[in-house]
Protein backbone atom coordinates (compact mmCIF):
# COMPACT_ATOMS: atom_id res chain seq x y z
CA MET A 1 -2.86 -9.33 6.20
CA THR A 2 -2.86 -13.10 5.75
CA THR A 3 -1.01 -14.37 2.74
CA ALA A 4 0.61 -12.43 -0.08
CA THR A 5 1.63 -13.42 -3.59
CA VAL A 6 2.59 -11.51 -6.70
CA LYS A 7 -1.00 -11.94 -7.93
CA SER A 8 -2.79 -11.09 -4.72
CA ASP A 9 -0.52 -8.74 -2.73
CA TRP A 10 -2.30 -5.79 -1.14
CA ASN A 11 -2.30 -2.40 -2.86
CA PRO A 12 -1.29 0.19 -0.23
CA ARG A 13 -2.53 3.10 -2.35
CA ALA A 14 -6.01 1.61 -2.83
CA TYR A 15 -6.26 0.63 0.84
CA ALA A 16 -5.21 4.12 1.95
CA ARG A 17 -7.99 5.84 -0.05
CA PHE A 18 -10.22 5.75 3.07
CA GLN A 19 -7.42 5.79 5.63
CA ASP A 20 -9.09 8.21 8.04
CA LEU A 21 -12.25 6.08 8.23
CA ARG A 22 -10.24 2.90 8.75
CA LEU A 23 -8.06 4.54 11.41
CA ARG A 24 -10.94 5.43 13.74
CA PRO A 25 -11.81 1.83 14.78
CA ALA A 26 -8.09 1.07 15.04
CA MET A 27 -7.72 3.87 17.57
CA ASP A 28 -10.89 2.79 19.37
CA LEU A 29 -9.38 -0.68 19.77
CA LEU A 30 -6.12 0.71 21.15
CA ASN A 31 -7.96 3.02 23.54
CA ALA A 32 -9.82 -0.01 24.92
CA VAL A 33 -6.55 -1.68 25.99
CA GLY A 34 -6.42 -1.11 29.72
CA GLN A 35 -3.49 -3.33 30.63
CA MET A 36 -0.52 -4.96 28.97
CA GLY A 37 2.20 -7.21 30.24
CA ALA A 38 5.94 -6.62 30.35
CA GLY A 39 6.70 -8.11 26.93
CA ASP A 40 6.80 -6.71 23.41
CA VAL A 41 3.87 -4.98 21.71
CA ILE A 42 2.97 -6.91 18.56
CA ASP A 43 1.08 -5.19 15.74
CA LEU A 44 -0.21 -8.39 14.15
CA GLY A 45 -1.15 -7.64 10.57
CA CYS A 46 0.42 -4.18 10.74
CA GLY A 47 -0.30 -3.35 7.10
CA ALA A 48 1.22 -0.04 6.03
CA GLY A 49 2.05 0.85 9.63
CA GLN A 50 -0.67 3.41 10.34
CA MET A 51 -0.77 2.39 14.01
CA GLY A 52 2.97 2.15 14.63
CA ALA A 53 3.39 5.59 16.20
CA ALA A 54 0.28 5.29 18.38
CA LEU A 55 1.35 1.86 19.62
CA ALA A 56 4.85 3.16 20.37
CA GLU A 57 3.36 5.99 22.43
CA ARG A 58 1.36 3.51 24.51
CA ALA A 59 4.21 0.97 24.74
CA MET A 60 6.10 2.87 27.48
CA GLY A 61 9.51 1.61 26.37
CA ARG A 62 8.40 -1.82 25.18
CA ASP A 63 9.55 -2.85 21.70
CA VAL A 64 6.85 -2.45 19.04
CA ILE A 65 7.09 -5.19 16.43
CA GLY A 66 5.09 -5.21 13.21
CA VAL A 67 4.14 -8.47 11.49
CA ASP A 68 2.51 -8.77 8.08
CA ALA A 69 2.47 -11.12 5.10
CA SER A 70 2.40 -8.39 2.45
CA PRO A 71 5.79 -7.16 1.18
CA ALA A 72 4.16 -4.05 -0.30
CA MET A 73 2.53 -3.14 3.01
CA LEU A 74 5.71 -3.82 4.99
CA GLU A 75 7.66 -1.50 2.69
CA LYS A 76 5.21 1.28 3.54
CA ALA A 77 5.40 0.41 7.25
CA ARG A 78 9.20 0.77 7.18
CA GLN A 79 8.78 4.37 6.08
CA THR A 80 6.77 5.22 9.20
CA ARG A 81 9.70 4.48 11.55
CA GLY A 82 7.20 3.51 14.23
CA TYR A 83 8.53 -0.02 14.82
CA LYS A 84 11.54 -1.51 16.53
CA SER A 85 11.42 -4.25 13.88
CA LEU A 86 9.18 -5.59 11.12
CA GLY A 87 8.80 -9.17 9.98
CA GLN A 88 7.08 -10.90 7.10
CA ALA A 89 5.06 -13.92 8.20
CA ASP A 90 1.81 -15.76 7.65
CA ILE A 91 -0.22 -15.30 10.84
CA ARG A 92 -1.21 -18.96 10.73
CA GLU A 93 2.45 -19.89 11.22
CA TRP A 94 3.78 -16.90 13.17
CA HIS A 95 5.13 -17.26 16.69
CA PRO A 96 6.73 -14.48 18.78
CA ARG A 97 10.35 -14.65 19.88
CA ARG A 98 9.20 -14.12 23.50
CA ALA A 99 5.88 -13.76 25.30
CA PRO A 100 4.23 -10.47 24.22
CA GLY A 101 2.69 -7.94 26.58
CA LEU A 102 0.16 -6.98 23.91
CA ILE A 103 -0.98 -8.65 20.69
CA TYR A 104 -2.91 -5.98 18.83
CA SER A 105 -4.70 -7.04 15.65
CA ASN A 106 -6.93 -4.58 13.84
CA ALA A 107 -9.08 -5.68 10.86
CA VAL A 108 -6.86 -8.64 9.97
CA LEU A 109 -7.86 -11.92 11.59
CA HIS A 110 -11.12 -12.23 9.63
CA TRP A 111 -8.87 -13.23 6.69
CA ILE A 112 -7.55 -16.19 8.70
CA GLY A 113 -9.61 -19.35 8.95
CA ASP A 114 -10.23 -21.66 11.89
CA HIS A 115 -10.79 -19.09 14.65
CA PRO A 116 -11.61 -21.84 17.18
CA ALA A 117 -7.95 -22.82 16.95
CA LEU A 118 -6.42 -19.43 16.17
CA MET A 119 -7.79 -17.33 19.01
CA PRO A 120 -6.81 -19.67 21.86
CA ARG A 121 -3.38 -20.09 20.24
CA LEU A 122 -2.81 -16.32 20.24
CA ALA A 123 -4.05 -16.06 23.83
CA ALA A 124 -1.62 -18.79 24.91
CA MET A 125 1.31 -16.76 23.54
CA LEU A 126 0.74 -13.86 25.95
CA GLY A 127 2.91 -13.31 28.98
CA LYS A 128 1.45 -12.80 32.44
CA GLY A 129 -0.83 -9.77 32.45
CA GLY A 130 -0.72 -9.60 28.66
CA THR A 131 -3.64 -8.57 26.48
CA LEU A 132 -5.01 -9.76 23.16
CA ALA A 133 -6.92 -6.93 21.40
CA VAL A 134 -8.85 -7.71 18.21
CA GLN A 135 -11.13 -5.82 15.85
CA LEU A 136 -13.01 -7.67 13.12
CA PRO A 137 -15.23 -6.13 10.43
CA HIS A 138 -18.67 -7.63 11.03
CA GLN A 139 -20.23 -6.56 7.74
CA ASN A 140 -20.47 -9.80 5.74
CA ASN A 141 -24.28 -9.87 5.73
CA ALA A 142 -24.70 -6.22 4.73
CA PRO A 143 -25.44 -5.38 1.06
CA SER A 144 -22.01 -3.78 0.65
CA HIS A 145 -20.37 -7.19 1.13
CA ARG A 146 -23.03 -9.81 0.44
CA VAL A 147 -23.83 -8.45 -3.02
CA TRP A 148 -20.27 -8.98 -4.29
CA ARG A 149 -20.61 -12.73 -3.75
CA THR A 150 -24.20 -13.15 -4.86
CA LEU A 151 -23.60 -11.29 -8.11
CA ALA A 152 -20.32 -13.15 -8.74
CA GLU A 153 -22.12 -16.46 -8.33
CA ASP A 154 -24.94 -15.31 -10.63
CA LEU A 155 -22.56 -14.15 -13.35
CA PHE A 156 -19.84 -16.79 -12.99
CA PRO A 157 -21.32 -19.86 -11.27
CA GLY A 158 -18.79 -21.95 -9.38
CA ARG A 159 -15.87 -19.66 -10.16
CA ILE A 160 -15.49 -18.04 -6.74
CA ASP A 161 -14.32 -20.15 -3.81
CA ALA A 162 -16.91 -19.77 -1.07
CA GLY A 163 -14.19 -20.16 1.56
CA SER A 164 -11.89 -17.49 0.16
CA GLY A 165 -13.53 -14.53 1.87
CA PRO A 166 -13.30 -13.18 5.40
CA ASP A 167 -14.78 -15.30 8.16
CA VAL A 168 -16.13 -14.16 11.53
CA LEU A 169 -17.69 -16.43 14.15
CA PRO A 170 -20.93 -15.59 15.96
CA PRO A 171 -19.98 -13.45 18.98
CA VAL A 172 -21.14 -16.10 21.46
CA GLU A 173 -18.46 -18.44 20.11
CA TYR A 174 -15.67 -15.95 20.89
CA ASP A 175 -17.07 -15.61 24.40
CA THR A 176 -17.08 -19.41 24.78
CA LEU A 177 -13.52 -19.68 23.50
CA LEU A 178 -11.90 -16.84 25.41
CA ALA A 179 -13.89 -15.84 28.50
CA PRO A 180 -12.59 -18.81 30.55
CA LYS A 181 -9.00 -17.68 29.89
CA GLY A 182 -9.05 -14.33 31.65
CA LYS A 183 -10.75 -10.93 31.69
CA PHE A 184 -12.75 -10.87 28.46
CA ARG A 185 -14.70 -7.93 27.02
CA MET A 186 -16.57 -7.84 23.72
CA TRP A 187 -18.67 -5.20 21.97
CA GLU A 188 -19.87 -4.03 18.58
CA THR A 189 -19.87 -0.56 17.07
CA GLU A 190 -21.65 0.53 13.91
CA TYR A 191 -19.83 3.44 12.30
CA TYR A 192 -21.89 5.77 10.12
CA GLN A 193 -19.37 6.85 7.53
CA ARG A 194 -20.03 9.73 5.16
CA LEU A 195 -18.48 8.90 1.81
CA THR A 196 -18.19 11.37 -1.05
CA ALA A 197 -19.51 10.18 -4.38
CA GLU A 198 -16.87 9.96 -7.09
CA PRO A 199 -17.42 10.61 -10.80
CA GLY A 200 -18.12 7.33 -12.57
CA SER A 201 -18.15 5.13 -9.48
CA HIS A 202 -20.14 4.55 -6.31
CA PRO A 203 -18.03 5.20 -3.17
CA VAL A 204 -19.12 1.95 -1.48
CA ARG A 205 -17.61 0.07 -4.41
CA ARG A 206 -14.39 2.03 -3.96
CA TYR A 207 -14.42 1.31 -0.23
CA THR A 208 -14.94 -2.45 -0.55
CA GLU A 209 -13.04 -3.36 -3.72
CA SER A 210 -9.61 -2.95 -2.08
CA THR A 211 -10.51 -5.18 0.89
CA TYR A 212 -13.50 -7.51 0.95
CA ALA A 213 -13.80 -7.86 -2.84
CA ARG A 214 -10.09 -8.48 -3.47
CA PRO A 215 -10.22 -12.31 -3.56
CA ILE A 216 -13.36 -12.21 -5.72
CA LEU A 217 -11.98 -9.80 -8.31
CA ALA A 218 -8.62 -11.58 -8.35
CA GLU A 219 -10.28 -14.71 -9.77
CA LEU A 220 -11.76 -12.91 -12.78
CA GLU A 221 -10.45 -11.70 -16.12
CA PRO A 222 -10.49 -7.93 -16.80
CA ASP A 223 -13.71 -8.02 -18.85
CA GLU A 224 -15.37 -10.20 -16.21
CA ARG A 225 -14.32 -7.81 -13.44
CA ALA A 226 -15.80 -4.91 -15.40
CA ALA A 227 -19.11 -6.75 -15.80
CA LEU A 228 -19.30 -7.59 -12.09
CA ILE A 229 -18.41 -4.06 -11.03
CA ALA A 230 -21.08 -2.59 -13.32
CA ARG A 231 -23.76 -4.85 -11.81
CA TYR A 232 -22.54 -4.12 -8.29
CA GLU A 233 -22.65 -0.36 -8.91
CA ASP A 234 -26.29 -0.63 -10.01
CA VAL A 235 -27.28 -2.38 -6.77
CA MET A 236 -25.32 0.05 -4.60
CA GLN A 237 -27.21 3.00 -6.07
CA THR A 238 -30.35 1.52 -4.48
CA ALA A 239 -28.82 0.08 -1.30
CA TYR A 240 -26.80 3.21 -0.46
CA PRO A 241 -28.32 6.14 -2.39
CA VAL A 242 -26.28 9.22 -3.17
CA ARG A 243 -27.87 12.11 -1.28
CA GLY A 244 -28.56 15.62 -2.49
CA ASP A 245 -25.24 16.92 -1.18
CA GLY A 246 -23.34 14.28 -3.16
CA THR A 247 -22.53 12.04 -0.20
CA VAL A 248 -23.45 8.50 0.80
CA LEU A 249 -24.12 7.53 4.42
CA PHE A 250 -22.52 4.11 4.78
CA PRO A 251 -23.09 2.15 8.03
CA PHE A 252 -20.25 -0.25 8.80
CA ARG A 253 -20.37 -2.68 11.74
CA ARG A 254 -17.27 -3.87 13.58
CA LEU A 255 -16.77 -6.44 16.37
CA PHE A 256 -14.19 -5.77 19.11
CA PHE A 257 -12.84 -7.86 21.95
CA THR A 258 -10.00 -7.80 24.45
CA LEU A 259 -8.68 -10.60 26.62
CA THR A 260 -6.25 -10.02 29.50
CA VAL A 261 -4.67 -13.16 30.94
């Protein structure tokens, strides 16, 4: 997670509503790590600590250190007991105490701006043989995400900061930035997620409101949020129809890359 304030801190309960679906790409990213150096394993943007135990199992005695900006998420992560230590920090300012063997960052760095500076900076922190492993939701142009912003601009012109949302570069730019620095691999996966419809709400709204839509909804008053959500629900019924068995098939695209130096 990037920055956290009393107004905007993450809600662990809301985020955990679809924990199993969010865990699958996290495990796919970890399974793609073929090599790590001798240093610590950093869970950068560890959230509520869902990956702490899996990282510790792969660490082979290395310290697993969780870093996140959200106090609420870090409190949940402490309860998992999967980390040697946990630290609160803004990723834009964070620096490890020593060169890591693995910097693992799942579904976090899209909240941080200036990837042309950020990604090489993270790569430069690695020790010899170390790996940077990153997963980024690549869903911004899909109706599930795009419609939040278009409707917010229609209903409340100029109220939502266009730069406040997640940002992902075109894949070719990550290749240009990182391929010269070591062994670089990049791929995309589209996950077809079966969501169960909930009484009074569309499941795609439930899925996105605790993540992508957070900075949008945070800028609105309660009655304004209700108006936006109602409009969004109407569009989702068409974009992602509820099927006869009461489920919605929700495709979600994610971008992965690893760099070993």
